[in-house]
Amino acid sequence: MGGGLTIGKAAAFAGVTVKTVRHYHRLGLLDEPRRDSSGYRRYTSTDLLRLVQVRTLAEAGVPLAEIGELLDADPKRFAAAVVDVERRLTDRITELIARRDTLRRLADSDRALLPDRACTLLDRLTALGFGPDVVASQREALVLARALAPAFFDGFVTQLERRLDDPEYVRLWKRTWDALSWEPDDPRLDELAAEMADNLLTERAVMQTHMDGFFSSPDAATRYDVVNEHRADEAPTTARLTALIEARLRAAGIAIPRR
């Protein structure tokens, strides 16, 4: 290769920048080439081969800190190292695909924060005639429930799915939202709480099993309050109704912690 290549030519031939070549030198991945009479580096074909090898491994995802040892390894160690790098790259690819899918789901805010099953449930609320405010509130409650009680989230969704198959429950739930316009001391709240509690108790065994499992976990009562009292400060009537329903459920033997 004549008198050798300048660092600029070597970098261009290898498809990297001069800055990258110098960085490889600093890391010890490339030996210092001989210098000409003017003190300039001159890269031989052997130097260029090493540079291409380093660049290729770096582009394949091998950490720079591992490249030197890898290039100096015997064939057996090299093959084993490549398998390990491939495994790590596969894990990284899986992670990146998951991130990409999350970004795509951001176009639909529900699907970025909730599984498809919960999103279907929200769509069902709309189909049943619940207004946008109800659906938005339930969306927020589901997001909180998933974050604060992930182990019990699927059970929570299952219960709600079953409840929505009950026309009476749907009617009562809609009425609780109509009750937002009532005063917190409206006597009709007691009647509505009694009806809702009676309806919930039609699946007493399922409810109790879910409650027992949930409240056996640490800080469960606090987590329950955070979800159950969401927006309560904005709707004192709803808070009052919730308290009345819980009192009736406790009286029936359902283990709901007191605040």
C-alpha atoms as a PDB file:
ATOM      1  CA  MET A   1       0.000   0.000   0.000  1.00  0.00           C
ATOM      2  CA  GLY A   2       2.939   2.264  -0.777  1.00  0.00           C
ATOM      3  CA  GLY A   3       3.840   4.594   2.013  1.00  0.00           C
ATOM      4  CA  GLY A   4       0.592   3.929   3.808  1.00  0.00           C
ATOM      5  CA  LEU A   5      -2.583   5.907   4.274  1.00  0.00           C
ATOM      6  CA  THR A   6      -3.091   9.109   6.168  1.00  0.00           C
ATOM      7  CA  ILE A   7      -5.549   8.974   9.055  1.00  0.00           C
ATOM      8  CA  GLY A   8      -8.083  10.820   6.909  1.00  0.00           C
ATOM      9  CA  LYS A   9      -7.823   8.295   4.072  1.00  0.00           C
ATOM     10  CA  ALA A  10      -7.890   5.335   6.464  1.00  0.00           C
ATOM     11  CA  ALA A  11     -10.997   6.688   8.137  1.00  0.00           C
ATOM     12  CA  ALA A  12     -12.706   7.311   4.802  1.00  0.00           C
ATOM     13  CA  PHE A  13     -11.861   3.827   3.502  1.00  0.00           C
ATOM     14  CA  ALA A  14     -13.146   2.214   6.707  1.00  0.00           C
ATOM     15  CA  GLY A  15     -16.321   4.293   6.708  1.00  0.00           C
ATOM     16  CA  VAL A  16     -15.695   6.120   9.988  1.00  0.00           C
ATOM     17  CA  THR A  17     -14.627   9.601  11.030  1.00  0.00           C
ATOM     18  CA  VAL A  18     -11.137  10.685  11.988  1.00  0.00           C
ATOM     19  CA  LYS A  19     -12.495  11.430  15.450  1.00  0.00           C
ATOM     20  CA  THR A  20     -13.650   7.809  15.704  1.00  0.00           C
ATOM     21  CA  VAL A  21     -10.242   6.464  14.689  1.00  0.00           C
ATOM     22  CA  ARG A  22      -8.571   8.603  17.348  1.00  0.00           C
ATOM     23  CA  HIS A  23     -11.108   7.376  19.894  1.00  0.00           C
ATOM     24  CA  TYR A  24     -10.264   3.774  19.017  1.00  0.00           C
ATOM     25  CA  HIS A  25      -6.598   4.585  19.567  1.00  0.00           C
ATOM     26  CA  ARG A  26      -7.332   6.066  23.000  1.00  0.00           C
ATOM     27  CA  LEU A  27      -9.249   2.918  23.982  1.00  0.00           C
ATOM     28  CA  GLY A  28      -6.395   0.705  22.848  1.00  0.00           C
ATOM     29  CA  LEU A  29      -8.483  -0.946  20.136  1.00  0.00           C
ATOM     30  CA  LEU A  30      -6.008   0.165  17.463  1.00  0.00           C
ATOM     31  CA  ASP A  31      -2.253   0.139  17.827  1.00  0.00           C
ATOM     32  CA  GLU A  32      -0.476   3.348  16.922  1.00  0.00           C
ATOM     33  CA  PRO A  33       0.679   3.025  13.305  1.00  0.00           C
ATOM     34  CA  ARG A  34       4.151   3.976  12.195  1.00  0.00           C
ATOM     35  CA  ARG A  35       4.757   7.633  11.463  1.00  0.00           C
ATOM     36  CA  ASP A  36       6.462   9.143   8.430  1.00  0.00           C
ATOM     37  CA  SER A  37       9.382  11.570   8.517  1.00  0.00           C
ATOM     38  CA  SER A  38       6.963  14.443   9.095  1.00  0.00           C
ATOM     39  CA  GLY A  39       5.435  12.719  12.141  1.00  0.00           C
ATOM     40  CA  TYR A  40       2.144  11.843  10.478  1.00  0.00           C
ATOM     41  CA  ARG A  41       0.503   8.480  11.092  1.00  0.00           C
ATOM     42  CA  ARG A  42       0.654   6.095   8.162  1.00  0.00           C
ATOM     43  CA  TYR A  43      -1.825   3.238   8.150  1.00  0.00           C
ATOM     44  CA  THR A  44      -0.891  -0.042   6.468  1.00  0.00           C
ATOM     45  CA  SER A  45      -3.312  -2.663   5.141  1.00  0.00           C
ATOM     46  CA  THR A  46      -2.958  -4.496   8.469  1.00  0.00           C
ATOM     47  CA  ASP A  47      -3.942  -1.345  10.369  1.00  0.00           C
ATOM     48  CA  LEU A  48      -6.886  -0.828   8.051  1.00  0.00           C
ATOM     49  CA  LEU A  49      -8.025  -4.436   8.511  1.00  0.00           C
ATOM     50  CA  ARG A  50      -8.044  -3.976  12.285  1.00  0.00           C
ATOM     51  CA  LEU A  51      -9.917  -0.705  11.924  1.00  0.00           C
ATOM     52  CA  VAL A  52     -12.589  -2.368   9.760  1.00  0.00           C
ATOM     53  CA  GLN A  53     -12.908  -5.231  12.261  1.00  0.00           C
ATOM     54  CA  VAL A  54     -13.386  -2.828  15.157  1.00  0.00           C
ATOM     55  CA  ARG A  55     -15.924  -0.754  13.222  1.00  0.00           C
ATOM     56  CA  THR A  56     -17.860  -3.849  12.161  1.00  0.00           C
ATOM     57  CA  LEU A  57     -18.131  -5.213  15.702  1.00  0.00           C
ATOM     58  CA  ALA A  58     -19.084  -1.797  17.069  1.00  0.00           C
ATOM     59  CA  GLU A  59     -21.839  -1.434  14.482  1.00  0.00           C
ATOM     60  CA  ALA A  60     -23.052  -4.943  15.348  1.00  0.00           C
ATOM     61  CA  GLY A  61     -23.656  -3.774  18.890  1.00  0.00           C
ATOM     62  CA  VAL A  62     -20.584  -5.107  20.670  1.00  0.00           C
ATOM     63  CA  PRO A  63     -19.633  -2.687  23.482  1.00  0.00           C
ATOM     64  CA  LEU A  64     -16.323  -0.961  22.746  1.00  0.00           C
ATOM     65  CA  ALA A  65     -14.940  -2.172  26.071  1.00  0.00           C
ATOM     66  CA  GLU A  66     -15.313  -5.773  24.853  1.00  0.00           C
ATOM     67  CA  ILE A  67     -14.078  -5.465  21.290  1.00  0.00           C
ATOM     68  CA  GLY A  68     -10.354  -5.677  22.024  1.00  0.00           C
ATOM     69  CA  GLU A  69     -10.650  -8.905  23.976  1.00  0.00           C
ATOM     70  CA  LEU A  70     -13.020 -10.318  21.380  1.00  0.00           C
ATOM     71  CA  LEU A  71     -10.654  -9.661  18.459  1.00  0.00           C
ATOM     72  CA  ASP A  72      -7.752 -11.187  20.346  1.00  0.00           C
ATOM     73  CA  ALA A  73      -9.713 -14.307  21.362  1.00  0.00           C
ATOM     74  CA  ASP A  74      -9.264 -17.758  19.865  1.00  0.00           C
ATOM     75  CA  PRO A  75     -12.039 -18.990  17.508  1.00  0.00           C
ATOM     76  CA  LYS A  76     -13.920 -20.886  20.225  1.00  0.00           C
ATOM     77  CA  ARG A  77     -14.011 -17.925  22.618  1.00  0.00           C
ATOM     78  CA  PHE A  78     -14.864 -15.589  19.762  1.00  0.00           C
ATOM     79  CA  ALA A  79     -17.850 -17.733  18.752  1.00  0.00           C
ATOM     80  CA  ALA A  80     -19.115 -17.914  22.356  1.00  0.00           C
ATOM     81  CA  ALA A  81     -18.739 -14.160  22.752  1.00  0.00           C
ATOM     82  CA  VAL A  82     -20.658 -13.523  19.545  1.00  0.00           C
ATOM     83  CA  VAL A  83     -23.521 -15.712  20.802  1.00  0.00           C
ATOM     84  CA  ASP A  84     -23.619 -13.686  24.023  1.00  0.00           C
ATOM     85  CA  VAL A  85     -23.641 -10.397  22.130  1.00  0.00           C
ATOM     86  CA  GLU A  86     -26.423 -11.723  19.900  1.00  0.00           C
ATOM     87  CA  ARG A  87     -28.499 -12.617  22.965  1.00  0.00           C
ATOM     88  CA  ARG A  88     -28.068  -9.153  24.414  1.00  0.00           C
ATOM     89  CA  LEU A  89     -28.949  -7.560  21.097  1.00  0.00           C
ATOM     90  CA  THR A  90     -32.086  -9.696  20.883  1.00  0.00           C
ATOM     91  CA  ASP A  91     -33.111  -8.538  24.363  1.00  0.00           C
ATOM     92  CA  ARG A  92     -32.455  -4.948  23.345  1.00  0.00           C
ATOM     93  CA  ILE A  93     -34.477  -5.368  20.152  1.00  0.00           C
ATOM     94  CA  THR A  94     -37.383  -6.782  22.162  1.00  0.00           C
ATOM     95  CA  GLU A  95     -37.207  -3.795  24.504  1.00  0.00           C
ATOM     96  CA  LEU A  96     -37.114  -1.330  21.607  1.00  0.00           C
ATOM     97  CA  ILE A  97     -40.064  -3.003  19.897  1.00  0.00           C
ATOM     98  CA  ALA A  98     -42.046  -2.729  23.130  1.00  0.00           C
ATOM     99  CA  ARG A  99     -41.172   0.975  23.353  1.00  0.00           C
ATOM    100  CA  ARG A 100     -42.170   1.501  19.727  1.00  0.00           C
ATOM    101  CA  ASP A 101     -45.501  -0.220  20.339  1.00  0.00           C
ATOM    102  CA  THR A 102     -46.090   2.014  23.361  1.00  0.00           C
ATOM    103  CA  LEU A 103     -45.400   5.103  21.253  1.00  0.00           C
ATOM    104  CA  ARG A 104     -47.854   3.899  18.646  1.00  0.00           C
ATOM    105  CA  ARG A 105     -50.467   3.352  21.329  1.00  0.00           C
ATOM    106  CA  LEU A 106     -50.015   6.962  22.457  1.00  0.00           C
ATOM    107  CA  ALA A 107     -52.181   7.935  19.513  1.00  0.00           C
ATOM    108  CA  ASP A 108     -54.947   6.440  21.649  1.00  0.00           C
ATOM    109  CA  SER A 109     -54.310   7.577  25.227  1.00  0.00           C
ATOM    110  CA  ASP A 110     -56.370   4.726  26.682  1.00  0.00           C
ATOM    111  CA  ARG A 111     -54.278   2.077  24.963  1.00  0.00           C
ATOM    112  CA  ALA A 112     -51.022   3.640  26.125  1.00  0.00           C
ATOM    113  CA  LEU A 113     -52.008   3.163  29.766  1.00  0.00           C
ATOM    114  CA  LEU A 114     -54.436   0.246  29.773  1.00  0.00           C
ATOM    115  CA  PRO A 115     -54.551  -3.248  28.275  1.00  0.00           C
ATOM    116  CA  ASP A 116     -56.897  -3.930  25.376  1.00  0.00           C
ATOM    117  CA  ARG A 117     -59.383  -5.660  27.655  1.00  0.00           C
ATOM    118  CA  ALA A 118     -59.850  -2.550  29.783  1.00  0.00           C
ATOM    119  CA  CYS A 119     -60.140  -0.371  26.674  1.00  0.00           C
ATOM    120  CA  THR A 120     -62.892  -2.657  25.401  1.00  0.00           C
ATOM    121  CA  LEU A 121     -64.638  -2.178  28.716  1.00  0.00           C
ATOM    122  CA  LEU A 122     -64.538   1.596  28.301  1.00  0.00           C
ATOM    123  CA  ASP A 123     -65.926   1.274  24.788  1.00  0.00           C
ATOM    124  CA  ARG A 124     -68.716  -0.825  26.221  1.00  0.00           C
ATOM    125  CA  LEU A 125     -69.621   1.904  28.712  1.00  0.00           C
ATOM    126  CA  THR A 126     -70.081   4.301  25.818  1.00  0.00           C
ATOM    127  CA  ALA A 127     -72.222   1.760  23.975  1.00  0.00           C
ATOM    128  CA  LEU A 128     -74.395   1.350  27.082  1.00  0.00           C
ATOM    129  CA  GLY A 129     -75.154   5.052  27.084  1.00  0.00           C
ATOM    130  CA  PHE A 130     -72.786   6.358  29.748  1.00  0.00           C
ATOM    131  CA  GLY A 131     -71.673   9.910  29.079  1.00  0.00           C
ATOM    132  CA  PRO A 132     -68.116  11.100  28.358  1.00  0.00           C
ATOM    133  CA  ASP A 133     -67.602  12.276  31.957  1.00  0.00           C
ATOM    134  CA  VAL A 134     -68.474   8.831  33.295  1.00  0.00           C
ATOM    135  CA  VAL A 135     -66.186   7.100  30.829  1.00  0.00           C
ATOM    136  CA  ALA A 136     -63.333   9.532  31.577  1.00  0.00           C
ATOM    137  CA  SER A 137     -63.712   9.020  35.324  1.00  0.00           C
ATOM    138  CA  GLN A 138     -63.772   5.246  34.932  1.00  0.00           C
ATOM    139  CA  ARG A 139     -60.706   5.411  32.683  1.00  0.00           C
ATOM    140  CA  GLU A 140     -58.813   7.289  35.376  1.00  0.00           C
ATOM    141  CA  ALA A 141     -59.952   4.810  38.032  1.00  0.00           C
ATOM    142  CA  LEU A 142     -58.768   1.887  35.895  1.00  0.00           C
ATOM    143  CA  VAL A 143     -55.376   3.505  35.351  1.00  0.00           C
ATOM    144  CA  LEU A 144     -54.994   4.054  39.088  1.00  0.00           C
ATOM    145  CA  ALA A 145     -56.178   0.526  39.888  1.00  0.00           C
ATOM    146  CA  ARG A 146     -53.705  -0.985  37.456  1.00  0.00           C
ATOM    147  CA  ALA A 147     -50.820   1.038  38.903  1.00  0.00           C
ATOM    148  CA  LEU A 148     -51.686   0.544  42.575  1.00  0.00           C
ATOM    149  CA  ALA A 149     -53.014  -3.018  42.534  1.00  0.00           C
ATOM    150  CA  PRO A 150     -51.605  -4.772  39.443  1.00  0.00           C
ATOM    151  CA  ALA A 151     -52.043  -8.246  40.944  1.00  0.00           C
ATOM    152  CA  PHE A 152     -55.768  -7.687  41.353  1.00  0.00           C
ATOM    153  CA  PHE A 153     -56.421  -5.579  38.274  1.00  0.00           C
ATOM    154  CA  ASP A 154     -57.617  -8.454  36.091  1.00  0.00           C
ATOM    155  CA  GLY A 155     -60.046  -9.553  38.802  1.00  0.00           C
ATOM    156  CA  PHE A 156     -61.347  -6.015  39.092  1.00  0.00           C
ATOM    157  CA  VAL A 157     -61.939  -5.826  35.337  1.00  0.00           C
ATOM    158  CA  THR A 158     -63.619  -9.248  35.359  1.00  0.00           C
ATOM    159  CA  GLN A 159     -66.059  -8.127  38.043  1.00  0.00           C
ATOM    160  CA  LEU A 160     -66.922  -4.985  36.156  1.00  0.00           C
ATOM    161  CA  GLU A 161     -67.420  -6.925  32.926  1.00  0.00           C
ATOM    162  CA  ARG A 162     -69.875  -9.215  34.698  1.00  0.00           C
ATOM    163  CA  ARG A 163     -71.673  -6.304  36.325  1.00  0.00           C
ATOM    164  CA  LEU A 164     -72.248  -4.680  32.965  1.00  0.00           C
ATOM    165  CA  ASP A 165     -74.110  -7.813  31.866  1.00  0.00           C
ATOM    166  CA  ASP A 166     -76.695  -6.986  34.551  1.00  0.00           C
ATOM    167  CA  PRO A 167     -79.218  -4.395  33.290  1.00  0.00           C
ATOM    168  CA  GLU A 168     -80.222  -3.551  36.869  1.00  0.00           C
ATOM    169  CA  TYR A 169     -76.648  -2.751  37.835  1.00  0.00           C
ATOM    170  CA  VAL A 170     -76.269  -0.577  34.736  1.00  0.00           C
ATOM    171  CA  ARG A 171     -79.485   1.254  35.635  1.00  0.00           C
ATOM    172  CA  LEU A 172     -78.336   1.849  39.199  1.00  0.00           C
ATOM    173  CA  TRP A 173     -74.868   2.945  38.144  1.00  0.00           C
ATOM    174  CA  LYS A 174     -76.357   5.501  35.792  1.00  0.00           C
ATOM    175  CA  ARG A 175     -78.556   6.725  38.608  1.00  0.00           C
ATOM    176  CA  THR A 176     -75.520   7.234  40.847  1.00  0.00           C
ATOM    177  CA  TRP A 177     -74.176   9.609  38.217  1.00  0.00           C
ATOM    178  CA  ASP A 178     -77.511  11.384  38.044  1.00  0.00           C
ATOM    179  CA  ALA A 179     -77.198  11.793  41.821  1.00  0.00           C
ATOM    180  CA  LEU A 180     -74.236  14.126  41.343  1.00  0.00           C
ATOM    181  CA  SER A 181     -76.737  16.960  41.101  1.00  0.00           C
ATOM    182  CA  TRP A 182     -78.235  16.090  44.521  1.00  0.00           C
ATOM    183  CA  GLU A 183     -77.133  17.598  47.811  1.00  0.00           C
ATOM    184  CA  PRO A 184     -74.968  15.333  50.035  1.00  0.00           C
ATOM    185  CA  ASP A 185     -77.758  15.146  52.638  1.00  0.00           C
ATOM    186  CA  ASP A 186     -80.484  14.291  50.134  1.00  0.00           C
ATOM    187  CA  PRO A 187     -82.550  11.420  51.664  1.00  0.00           C
ATOM    188  CA  ARG A 188     -82.744   9.730  48.271  1.00  0.00           C
ATOM    189  CA  LEU A 189     -79.069   8.806  48.663  1.00  0.00           C
ATOM    190  CA  ASP A 190     -79.938   6.307  51.414  1.00  0.00           C
ATOM    191  CA  GLU A 191     -82.442   4.582  49.165  1.00  0.00           C
ATOM    192  CA  LEU A 192     -80.026   4.504  46.234  1.00  0.00           C
ATOM    193  CA  ALA A 193     -77.214   3.175  48.455  1.00  0.00           C
ATOM    194  CA  ALA A 194     -79.488   0.376  49.684  1.00  0.00           C
ATOM    195  CA  GLU A 195     -80.423  -0.623  46.130  1.00  0.00           C
ATOM    196  CA  MET A 196     -76.824  -0.555  44.947  1.00  0.00           C
ATOM    197  CA  ALA A 197     -75.589  -2.565  47.939  1.00  0.00           C
ATOM    198  CA  ASP A 198     -78.307  -5.178  47.426  1.00  0.00           C
ATOM    199  CA  ASN A 199     -77.341  -5.482  43.772  1.00  0.00           C
ATOM    200  CA  LEU A 200     -73.635  -5.831  44.571  1.00  0.00           C
ATOM    201  CA  LEU A 201     -74.415  -8.551  47.106  1.00  0.00           C
ATOM    202  CA  THR A 202     -75.984 -10.719  44.412  1.00  0.00           C
ATOM    203  CA  GLU A 203     -72.383 -11.776  43.730  1.00  0.00           C
ATOM    204  CA  ARG A 204     -71.372 -11.808  47.358  1.00  0.00           C
ATOM    205  CA  ALA A 205     -68.982 -14.769  47.180  1.00  0.00           C
ATOM    206  CA  VAL A 206     -67.020 -13.351  44.242  1.00  0.00           C
ATOM    207  CA  MET A 207     -66.848  -9.927  45.862  1.00  0.00           C
ATOM    208  CA  GLN A 208     -65.672 -11.302  49.192  1.00  0.00           C
ATOM    209  CA  THR A 209     -62.978 -13.460  47.606  1.00  0.00           C
ATOM    210  CA  HIS A 210     -61.663 -10.492  45.653  1.00  0.00           C
ATOM    211  CA  MET A 211     -61.748  -8.242  48.721  1.00  0.00           C
ATOM    212  CA  ASP A 212     -60.006 -10.817  50.935  1.00  0.00           C
ATOM    213  CA  GLY A 213     -57.211 -11.231  48.403  1.00  0.00           C
ATOM    214  CA  PHE A 214     -56.776  -7.541  47.828  1.00  0.00           C
ATOM    215  CA  PHE A 215     -56.784  -6.411  51.445  1.00  0.00           C
ATOM    216  CA  SER A 216     -54.235  -9.041  52.436  1.00  0.00           C
ATOM    217  CA  SER A 217     -51.538  -7.077  50.611  1.00  0.00           C
ATOM    218  CA  PRO A 218     -49.454  -4.335  52.297  1.00  0.00           C
ATOM    219  CA  ASP A 219     -50.948  -0.843  52.302  1.00  0.00           C
ATOM    220  CA  ALA A 220     -54.048  -2.246  50.605  1.00  0.00           C
ATOM    221  CA  ALA A 221     -56.470  -0.027  52.516  1.00  0.00           C
ATOM    222  CA  THR A 222     -54.555   3.100  51.518  1.00  0.00           C
ATOM    223  CA  ARG A 223     -54.364   1.982  47.892  1.00  0.00           C
ATOM    224  CA  TYR A 224     -58.092   1.214  47.922  1.00  0.00           C
ATOM    225  CA  ASP A 225     -58.876   4.682  49.247  1.00  0.00           C
ATOM    226  CA  VAL A 226     -56.766   6.362  46.567  1.00  0.00           C
ATOM    227  CA  VAL A 227     -58.699   4.585  43.814  1.00  0.00           C
ATOM    228  CA  ASN A 228     -62.115   4.680  45.454  1.00  0.00           C
ATOM    229  CA  GLU A 229     -61.905   8.337  46.458  1.00  0.00           C
ATOM    230  CA  HIS A 230     -60.673   9.549  43.080  1.00  0.00           C
ATOM    231  CA  ARG A 231     -62.444  12.858  42.342  1.00  0.00           C
ATOM    232  CA  ALA A 232     -64.307  12.631  45.638  1.00  0.00           C
ATOM    233  CA  ASP A 233     -63.158  16.128  46.543  1.00  0.00           C
ATOM    234  CA  GLU A 234     -64.889  17.354  43.381  1.00  0.00           C
ATOM    235  CA  ALA A 235     -68.136  15.499  44.122  1.00  0.00           C
ATOM    236  CA  PRO A 236     -69.117  15.431  47.816  1.00  0.00           C
ATOM    237  CA  THR A 237     -72.410  13.725  46.952  1.00  0.00           C
ATOM    238  CA  THR A 238     -70.543  10.830  45.355  1.00  0.00           C
ATOM    239  CA  ALA A 239     -68.306  10.554  48.412  1.00  0.00           C
ATOM    240  CA  ARG A 240     -71.384  10.438  50.631  1.00  0.00           C
ATOM    241  CA  LEU A 241     -73.041   7.796  48.454  1.00  0.00           C
ATOM    242  CA  THR A 242     -69.880   5.669  48.434  1.00  0.00           C
ATOM    243  CA  ALA A 243     -69.716   5.824  52.233  1.00  0.00           C
ATOM    244  CA  LEU A 244     -73.365   4.761  52.523  1.00  0.00           C
ATOM    245  CA  ILE A 245     -72.867   1.815  50.158  1.00  0.00           C
ATOM    246  CA  GLU A 246     -69.735   0.682  51.992  1.00  0.00           C
ATOM    247  CA  ALA A 247     -71.530   0.880  55.335  1.00  0.00           C
ATOM    248  CA  ARG A 248     -74.272  -1.426  54.047  1.00  0.00           C
ATOM    249  CA  LEU A 249     -71.737  -3.843  52.595  1.00  0.00           C
ATOM    250  CA  ARG A 250     -69.875  -3.967  55.916  1.00  0.00           C
ATOM    251  CA  ALA A 251     -73.153  -4.580  57.722  1.00  0.00           C
ATOM    252  CA  ALA A 252     -73.677  -7.531  55.373  1.00  0.00           C
ATOM    253  CA  GLY A 253     -70.275  -8.942  56.313  1.00  0.00           C
ATOM    254  CA  ILE A 254     -68.098  -7.736  53.428  1.00  0.00           C
ATOM    255  CA  ALA A 255     -64.658  -6.864  54.803  1.00  0.00           C
ATOM    256  CA  ILE A 256     -64.094  -3.308  53.641  1.00  0.00           C
ATOM    257  CA  PRO A 257     -61.671  -1.380  55.899  1.00  0.00           C
ATOM    258  CA  ARG A 258     -62.961   1.776  57.511  1.00  0.00           C
ATOM    259  CA  ARG A 259     -61.195   5.010  56.646  1.00  0.00           C
END
